Amino acid sequence: VAGIRWSGWGGTNTYYADSVKGRFTISRDNAKN
């Protein structure tokens, strides 16, 4: 469905399946794990 990872350049990369692009958003709060 979706994925998130550190880009290696201080940013974040997100990935989505075509079926959910534009409707779903993945995010993270590292302070809350």
ModelCIF file with pLDDT and N, C-alpha, C, O atoms, coordinates in Angstrom:
data_MODEL
#
_entry.id   MODEL 
#
_entity.id                         1 
_entity.type                       polymer 
_entity.pdbx_number_of_molecules   1 
#
_entity_poly.entity_id                      1 
_entity_poly.type                           'polypeptide(L)' 
_entity_poly.nstd_linkage                   no 
_entity_poly.nstd_monomer                   no 
_entity_poly.pdbx_seq_one_letter_code       VAGIRWSGWGGTNTYYADSVKGRFTISRDNAKN 
_entity_poly.pdbx_seq_one_letter_code_can   VAGIRWSGWGGTNTYYADSVKGRFTISRDNAKN 
_entity_poly.pdbx_strand_id                 A 
#
loop_
_entity_poly_seq.entity_id 
_entity_poly_seq.num 
_entity_poly_seq.mon_id 
_entity_poly_seq.hetero 
1 1  VAL n 
1 2  ALA n 
1 3  GLY n 
1 4  ILE n 
1 5  ARG n 
1 6  TRP n 
1 7  SER n 
1 8  GLY n 
1 9  TRP n 
1 10 GLY n 
1 11 GLY n 
1 12 THR n 
1 13 ASN n 
1 14 THR n 
1 15 TYR n 
1 16 TYR n 
1 17 ALA n 
1 18 ASP n 
1 19 SER n 
1 20 VAL n 
1 21 LYS n 
1 22 GLY n 
1 23 ARG n 
1 24 PHE n 
1 25 THR n 
1 26 ILE n 
1 27 SER n 
1 28 ARG n 
1 29 ASP n 
1 30 ASN n 
1 31 ALA n 
1 32 LYS n 
1 33 ASN n 
#
_struct_asym.id          A 
_struct_asym.entity_id   1 
#
loop_
_ma_qa_metric.id 
_ma_qa_metric.mode 
_ma_qa_metric.name 
_ma_qa_metric.software_group_id 
_ma_qa_metric.type 
1 global pLDDT . pLDDT 
2 local  pLDDT . pLDDT 
#
_ma_qa_metric_global.metric_id      1 
_ma_qa_metric_global.metric_value   92.09 
_ma_qa_metric_global.model_id       1 
_ma_qa_metric_global.ordinal_id     1 
#
loop_
_ma_qa_metric_local.label_asym_id 
_ma_qa_metric_local.label_comp_id 
_ma_qa_metric_local.label_seq_id 
_ma_qa_metric_local.metric_id 
_ma_qa_metric_local.metric_value 
_ma_qa_metric_local.model_id 
_ma_qa_metric_local.ordinal_id 
A VAL 1  2 98.00 1 1  
A ALA 2  2 98.00 1 2  
A GLY 3  2 97.00 1 3  
A ILE 4  2 95.00 1 4  
A ARG 5  2 92.00 1 5  
A TRP 6  2 85.00 1 6  
A SER 7  2 78.00 1 7  
A GLY 8  2 71.00 1 8  
A TRP 9  2 72.00 1 9  
A GLY 10 2 73.00 1 10 
A GLY 11 2 83.00 1 11 
A THR 12 2 88.00 1 12 
A ASN 13 2 91.00 1 13 
A THR 14 2 95.00 1 14 
A TYR 15 2 96.00 1 15 
A TYR 16 2 98.00 1 16 
A ALA 17 2 98.00 1 17 
A ASP 18 2 98.00 1 18 
A SER 19 2 97.00 1 19 
A VAL 20 2 98.00 1 20 
A LYS 21 2 98.00 1 21 
A GLY 22 2 97.00 1 22 
A ARG 23 2 98.00 1 23 
A PHE 24 2 98.00 1 24 
A THR 25 2 98.00 1 25 
A ILE 26 2 98.00 1 26 
A SER 27 2 96.00 1 27 
A ARG 28 2 94.00 1 28 
A ASP 29 2 93.00 1 29 
A ASN 30 2 90.00 1 30 
A ALA 31 2 91.00 1 31 
A LYS 32 2 93.00 1 32 
A ASN 33 2 94.00 1 33 
#
loop_
_atom_site.group_PDB 
_atom_site.id 
_atom_site.type_symbol 
_atom_site.label_atom_id 
_atom_site.label_alt_id 
_atom_site.label_comp_id 
_atom_site.label_asym_id 
_atom_site.label_entity_id 
_atom_site.label_seq_id 
_atom_site.pdbx_PDB_ins_code 
_atom_site.Cartn_x 
_atom_site.Cartn_y 
_atom_site.Cartn_z 
_atom_site.occupancy 
_atom_site.B_iso_or_equiv 
_atom_site.pdbx_formal_charge 
_atom_site.auth_seq_id 
_atom_site.auth_comp_id 
_atom_site.auth_asym_id 
_atom_site.auth_atom_id 
_atom_site.pdbx_PDB_model_num 
ATOM 1   N N  . VAL A 1 1  ? 0.825  -1.200 0.000  1.00 98.00 ? 1  VAL A N  1 
ATOM 2   C CA . VAL A 1 1  ? 0.000  0.000  0.000  1.00 98.00 ? 1  VAL A CA 1 
ATOM 3   C C  . VAL A 1 1  ? 0.862  1.254  0.000  1.00 98.00 ? 1  VAL A C  1 
ATOM 4   O O  . VAL A 1 1  ? 0.713  2.116  -0.867 1.00 98.00 ? 1  VAL A O  1 
ATOM 5   N N  . ALA A 1 2  ? 1.764  1.357  0.973  1.00 98.00 ? 2  ALA A N  1 
ATOM 6   C CA . ALA A 1 2  ? 2.583  2.559  1.099  1.00 98.00 ? 2  ALA A CA 1 
ATOM 7   C C  . ALA A 1 2  ? 3.842  2.242  1.894  1.00 98.00 ? 2  ALA A C  1 
ATOM 8   O O  . ALA A 1 2  ? 3.869  1.301  2.687  1.00 98.00 ? 2  ALA A O  1 
ATOM 9   N N  . GLY A 1 3  ? 4.893  3.044  1.670  1.00 97.00 ? 3  GLY A N  1 
ATOM 10  C CA . GLY A 1 3  ? 6.138  2.865  2.397  1.00 97.00 ? 3  GLY A CA 1 
ATOM 11  C C  . GLY A 1 3  ? 6.797  4.203  2.664  1.00 97.00 ? 3  GLY A C  1 
ATOM 12  O O  . GLY A 1 3  ? 6.527  5.195  1.987  1.00 97.00 ? 3  GLY A O  1 
ATOM 13  N N  . ILE A 1 4  ? 7.672  4.211  3.667  1.00 95.00 ? 4  ILE A N  1 
ATOM 14  C CA . ILE A 1 4  ? 8.385  5.441  4.008  1.00 95.00 ? 4  ILE A CA 1 
ATOM 15  C C  . ILE A 1 4  ? 9.768  5.065  4.505  1.00 95.00 ? 4  ILE A C  1 
ATOM 16  O O  . ILE A 1 4  ? 9.934  4.081  5.224  1.00 95.00 ? 4  ILE A O  1 
ATOM 17  N N  . ARG A 1 5  ? 10.759 5.855  4.116  1.00 92.00 ? 5  ARG A N  1 
ATOM 18  C CA . ARG A 1 5  ? 12.127 5.606  4.561  1.00 92.00 ? 5  ARG A CA 1 
ATOM 19  C C  . ARG A 1 5  ? 12.940 6.887  4.466  1.00 92.00 ? 5  ARG A C  1 
ATOM 20  O O  . ARG A 1 5  ? 12.560 7.838  3.783  1.00 92.00 ? 5  ARG A O  1 
ATOM 21  N N  . TRP A 1 6  ? 14.044 6.887  5.154  1.00 85.00 ? 6  TRP A N  1 
ATOM 22  C CA . TRP A 1 6  ? 14.981 7.992  5.085  1.00 85.00 ? 6  TRP A CA 1 
ATOM 23  C C  . TRP A 1 6  ? 15.644 7.971  3.716  1.00 85.00 ? 6  TRP A C  1 
ATOM 24  O O  . TRP A 1 6  ? 16.036 6.910  3.231  1.00 85.00 ? 6  TRP A O  1 
ATOM 25  N N  . SER A 1 7  ? 15.769 9.131  3.095  1.00 78.00 ? 7  SER A N  1 
ATOM 26  C CA . SER A 1 7  ? 16.306 9.189  1.746  1.00 78.00 ? 7  SER A CA 1 
ATOM 27  C C  . SER A 1 7  ? 17.819 9.130  1.699  1.00 78.00 ? 7  SER A C  1 
ATOM 28  O O  . SER A 1 7  ? 18.403 8.923  0.635  1.00 78.00 ? 7  SER A O  1 
ATOM 29  N N  . GLY A 1 8  ? 18.457 9.311  2.842  1.00 71.00 ? 8  GLY A N  1 
ATOM 30  C CA . GLY A 1 8  ? 19.914 9.331  2.864  1.00 71.00 ? 8  GLY A CA 1 
ATOM 31  C C  . GLY A 1 8  ? 20.481 10.711 2.662  1.00 71.00 ? 8  GLY A C  1 
ATOM 32  O O  . GLY A 1 8  ? 21.694 10.899 2.760  1.00 71.00 ? 8  GLY A O  1 
ATOM 33  N N  . TRP A 1 9  ? 19.635 11.685 2.381  1.00 72.00 ? 9  TRP A N  1 
ATOM 34  C CA . TRP A 1 9  ? 20.100 13.041 2.148  1.00 72.00 ? 9  TRP A CA 1 
ATOM 35  C C  . TRP A 1 9  ? 19.375 14.015 3.073  1.00 72.00 ? 9  TRP A C  1 
ATOM 36  O O  . TRP A 1 9  ? 19.185 15.186 2.745  1.00 72.00 ? 9  TRP A O  1 
ATOM 37  N N  . GLY A 1 10 ? 18.977 13.505 4.228  1.00 73.00 ? 10 GLY A N  1 
ATOM 38  C CA . GLY A 1 10 ? 18.310 14.355 5.211  1.00 73.00 ? 10 GLY A CA 1 
ATOM 39  C C  . GLY A 1 10 ? 16.823 14.483 4.982  1.00 73.00 ? 10 GLY A C  1 
ATOM 40  O O  . GLY A 1 10 ? 16.146 15.216 5.703  1.00 73.00 ? 10 GLY A O  1 
ATOM 41  N N  . GLY A 1 11 ? 16.304 13.786 3.995  1.00 83.00 ? 11 GLY A N  1 
ATOM 42  C CA . GLY A 1 11 ? 14.881 13.861 3.716  1.00 83.00 ? 11 GLY A CA 1 
ATOM 43  C C  . GLY A 1 11 ? 14.212 12.517 3.858  1.00 83.00 ? 11 GLY A C  1 
ATOM 44  O O  . GLY A 1 11 ? 14.807 11.552 4.337  1.00 83.00 ? 11 GLY A O  1 
ATOM 45  N N  . THR A 1 12 ? 12.981 12.470 3.438  1.00 88.00 ? 12 THR A N  1 
ATOM 46  C CA . THR A 1 12 ? 12.178 11.262 3.551  1.00 88.00 ? 12 THR A CA 1 
ATOM 47  C C  . THR A 1 12 ? 11.584 10.909 2.194  1.00 88.00 ? 12 THR A C  1 
ATOM 48  O O  . THR A 1 12 ? 11.085 11.777 1.479  1.00 88.00 ? 12 THR A O  1 
ATOM 49  N N  . ASN A 1 13 ? 11.644 9.642  1.853  1.00 91.00 ? 13 ASN A N  1 
ATOM 50  C CA . ASN A 1 13 ? 10.993 9.163  0.640  1.00 91.00 ? 13 ASN A CA 1 
ATOM 51  C C  . ASN A 1 13 ? 9.725  8.430  1.006  1.00 91.00 ? 13 ASN A C  1 
ATOM 52  O O  . ASN A 1 13 ? 9.702  7.639  1.949  1.00 91.00 ? 13 ASN A O  1 
ATOM 53  N N  . THR A 1 14 ? 8.685  8.689  0.267  1.00 95.00 ? 14 THR A N  1 
ATOM 54  C CA . THR A 1 14 ? 7.443  7.943  0.436  1.00 95.00 ? 14 THR A CA 1 
ATOM 55  C C  . THR A 1 14 ? 7.078  7.257  -0.866 1.00 95.00 ? 14 THR A C  1 
ATOM 56  O O  . THR A 1 14 ? 7.418  7.730  -1.950 1.00 95.00 ? 14 THR A O  1 
ATOM 57  N N  . TYR A 1 15 ? 6.381  6.137  -0.748 1.00 96.00 ? 15 TYR A N  1 
ATOM 58  C CA . TYR A 1 15 ? 6.041  5.318  -1.890 1.00 96.00 ? 15 TYR A CA 1 
ATOM 59  C C  . TYR A 1 15 ? 4.595  4.877  -1.752 1.00 96.00 ? 15 TYR A C  1 
ATOM 60  O O  . TYR A 1 15 ? 4.112  4.629  -0.647 1.00 96.00 ? 15 TYR A O  1 
ATOM 61  N N  . TYR A 1 16 ? 3.907  4.781  -2.886 1.00 98.00 ? 16 TYR A N  1 
ATOM 62  C CA . TYR A 1 16 ? 2.501  4.404  -2.854 1.00 98.00 ? 16 TYR A CA 1 
ATOM 63  C C  . TYR A 1 16 ? 2.165  3.461  -3.999 1.00 98.00 ? 16 TYR A C  1 
ATOM 64  O O  . TYR A 1 16 ? 2.724  3.551  -5.092 1.00 98.00 ? 16 TYR A O  1 
ATOM 65  N N  . ALA A 1 17 ? 1.243  2.562  -3.721 1.00 98.00 ? 17 ALA A N  1 
ATOM 66  C CA . ALA A 1 17 ? 0.665  1.769  -4.792 1.00 98.00 ? 17 ALA A CA 1 
ATOM 67  C C  . ALA A 1 17 ? -0.197 2.682  -5.653 1.00 98.00 ? 17 ALA A C  1 
ATOM 68  O O  . ALA A 1 17 ? -0.784 3.643  -5.157 1.00 98.00 ? 17 ALA A O  1 
ATOM 69  N N  . ASP A 1 18 ? -0.267 2.381  -6.929 1.00 98.00 ? 18 ASP A N  1 
ATOM 70  C CA . ASP A 1 18 ? -1.053 3.222  -7.832 1.00 98.00 ? 18 ASP A CA 1 
ATOM 71  C C  . ASP A 1 18 ? -2.506 3.332  -7.385 1.00 98.00 ? 18 ASP A C  1 
ATOM 72  O O  . ASP A 1 18 ? -3.138 4.371  -7.571 1.00 98.00 ? 18 ASP A O  1 
ATOM 73  N N  . SER A 1 19 ? -3.026 2.284  -6.809 1.00 97.00 ? 19 SER A N  1 
ATOM 74  C CA . SER A 1 19 ? -4.436 2.256  -6.431 1.00 97.00 ? 19 SER A CA 1 
ATOM 75  C C  . SER A 1 19 ? -4.778 3.216  -5.299 1.00 97.00 ? 19 SER A C  1 
ATOM 76  O O  . SER A 1 19 ? -5.950 3.521  -5.081 1.00 97.00 ? 19 SER A O  1 
ATOM 77  N N  . VAL A 1 20 ? -3.761 3.700  -4.572 1.00 98.00 ? 20 VAL A N  1 
ATOM 78  C CA . VAL A 1 20 ? -4.045 4.584  -3.436 1.00 98.00 ? 20 VAL A CA 1 
ATOM 79  C C  . VAL A 1 20 ? -3.415 5.965  -3.576 1.00 98.00 ? 20 VAL A C  1 
ATOM 80  O O  . VAL A 1 20 ? -3.626 6.830  -2.725 1.00 98.00 ? 20 VAL A O  1 
ATOM 81  N N  . LYS A 1 21 ? -2.649 6.179  -4.631 1.00 98.00 ? 21 LYS A N  1 
ATOM 82  C CA . LYS A 1 21 ? -2.005 7.479  -4.825 1.00 98.00 ? 21 LYS A CA 1 
ATOM 83  C C  . LYS A 1 21 ? -3.041 8.586  -4.870 1.00 98.00 ? 21 LYS A C  1 
ATOM 84  O O  . LYS A 1 21 ? -4.074 8.475  -5.529 1.00 98.00 ? 21 LYS A O  1 
ATOM 85  N N  . GLY A 1 22 ? -2.736 9.650  -4.154 1.00 97.00 ? 22 GLY A N  1 
ATOM 86  C CA . GLY A 1 22 ? -3.648 10.790 -4.107 1.00 97.00 ? 22 GLY A CA 1 
ATOM 87  C C  . GLY A 1 22 ? -4.736 10.661 -3.062 1.00 97.00 ? 22 GLY A C  1 
ATOM 88  O O  . GLY A 1 22 ? -5.426 11.635 -2.763 1.00 97.00 ? 22 GLY A O  1 
ATOM 89  N N  . ARG A 1 23 ? -4.900 9.470  -2.500 1.00 98.00 ? 23 ARG A N  1 
ATOM 90  C CA . ARG A 1 23 ? -5.927 9.261  -1.473 1.00 98.00 ? 23 ARG A CA 1 
ATOM 91  C C  . ARG A 1 23 ? -5.327 8.914  -0.113 1.00 98.00 ? 23 ARG A C  1 
ATOM 92  O O  . ARG A 1 23 ? -5.864 9.307  0.922  1.00 98.00 ? 23 ARG A O  1 
ATOM 93  N N  . PHE A 1 24 ? -4.226 8.185  -0.112 1.00 98.00 ? 24 PHE A N  1 
ATOM 94  C CA . PHE A 1 24 ? -3.590 7.751  1.136  1.00 98.00 ? 24 PHE A CA 1 
ATOM 95  C C  . PHE A 1 24 ? -2.292 8.522  1.349  1.00 98.00 ? 24 PHE A C  1 
ATOM 96  O O  . PHE A 1 24 ? -1.617 8.909  0.396  1.00 98.00 ? 24 PHE A O  1 
ATOM 97  N N  . THR A 1 25 ? -1.961 8.735  2.617  1.00 98.00 ? 25 THR A N  1 
ATOM 98  C CA . THR A 1 25 ? -0.708 9.395  2.969  1.00 98.00 ? 25 THR A CA 1 
ATOM 99  C C  . THR A 1 25 ? -0.047 8.631  4.107  1.00 98.00 ? 25 THR A C  1 
ATOM 100 O O  . THR A 1 25 ? -0.672 8.354  5.131  1.00 98.00 ? 25 THR A O  1 
ATOM 101 N N  . ILE A 1 26 ? 1.214  8.297  3.917  1.00 98.00 ? 26 ILE A N  1 
ATOM 102 C CA . ILE A 1 26 ? 1.979  7.660  4.979  1.00 98.00 ? 26 ILE A CA 1 
ATOM 103 C C  . ILE A 1 26 ? 2.864  8.715  5.627  1.00 98.00 ? 26 ILE A C  1 
ATOM 104 O O  . ILE A 1 26 ? 3.433  9.570  4.948  1.00 98.00 ? 26 ILE A O  1 
ATOM 105 N N  . SER A 1 27 ? 2.972  8.640  6.947  1.00 96.00 ? 27 SER A N  1 
ATOM 106 C CA . SER A 1 27 ? 3.806  9.588  7.679  1.00 96.00 ? 27 SER A CA 1 
ATOM 107 C C  . SER A 1 27 ? 4.325  8.887  8.931  1.00 96.00 ? 27 SER A C  1 
ATOM 108 O O  . SER A 1 27 ? 3.870  7.799  9.284  1.00 96.00 ? 27 SER A O  1 
ATOM 109 N N  . ARG A 1 28 ? 5.282  9.531  9.593  1.00 94.00 ? 28 ARG A N  1 
ATOM 110 C CA . ARG A 1 28 ? 5.839  8.923  10.795 1.00 94.00 ? 28 ARG A CA 1 
ATOM 111 C C  . ARG A 1 28 ? 6.140  9.994  11.833 1.00 94.00 ? 28 ARG A C  1 
ATOM 112 O O  . ARG A 1 28 ? 6.405  11.152 11.511 1.00 94.00 ? 28 ARG A O  1 
ATOM 113 N N  . ASP A 1 29 ? 6.091  9.567  13.083 1.00 93.00 ? 29 ASP A N  1 
ATOM 114 C CA . ASP A 1 29 ? 6.480  10.416 14.206 1.00 93.00 ? 29 ASP A CA 1 
ATOM 115 C C  . ASP A 1 29 ? 7.526  9.623  14.977 1.00 93.00 ? 29 ASP A C  1 
ATOM 116 O O  . ASP A 1 29 ? 7.186  8.756  15.782 1.00 93.00 ? 29 ASP A O  1 
ATOM 117 N N  . ASN A 1 30 ? 8.778  9.916  14.735 1.00 90.00 ? 30 ASN A N  1 
ATOM 118 C CA . ASN A 1 30 ? 9.853  9.143  15.351 1.00 90.00 ? 30 ASN A CA 1 
ATOM 119 C C  . ASN A 1 30 ? 9.862  9.268  16.866 1.00 90.00 ? 30 ASN A C  1 
ATOM 120 O O  . ASN A 1 30 ? 10.266 8.339  17.564 1.00 90.00 ? 30 ASN A O  1 
ATOM 121 N N  . ALA A 1 31 ? 9.423  10.402 17.374 1.00 91.00 ? 31 ALA A N  1 
ATOM 122 C CA . ALA A 1 31 ? 9.398  10.590 18.831 1.00 91.00 ? 31 ALA A CA 1 
ATOM 123 C C  . ALA A 1 31 ? 8.419  9.623  19.488 1.00 91.00 ? 31 ALA A C  1 
ATOM 124 O O  . ALA A 1 31 ? 8.574  9.269  20.657 1.00 91.00 ? 31 ALA A O  1 
ATOM 125 N N  . LYS A 1 32 ? 7.414  9.203  18.732 1.00 93.00 ? 32 LYS A N  1 
ATOM 126 C CA . LYS A 1 32 ? 6.403  8.281  19.253 1.00 93.00 ? 32 LYS A CA 1 
ATOM 127 C C  . LYS A 1 32 ? 6.575  6.874  18.712 1.00 93.00 ? 32 LYS A C  1 
ATOM 128 O O  . LYS A 1 32 ? 5.754  6.000  18.990 1.00 93.00 ? 32 LYS A O  1 
ATOM 129 N N  . ASN A 1 33 ? 7.638  6.639  17.938 1.00 94.00 ? 33 ASN A N  1 
ATOM 130 C CA . ASN A 1 33 ? 7.855  5.326  17.317 1.00 94.00 ? 33 ASN A CA 1 
ATOM 131 C C  . ASN A 1 33 ? 6.613  4.864  16.558 1.00 94.00 ? 33 ASN A C  1 
ATOM 132 O O  . ASN A 1 33 ? 6.614  3.781  15.973 1.00 94.00 ? 33 ASN A O  1 
#
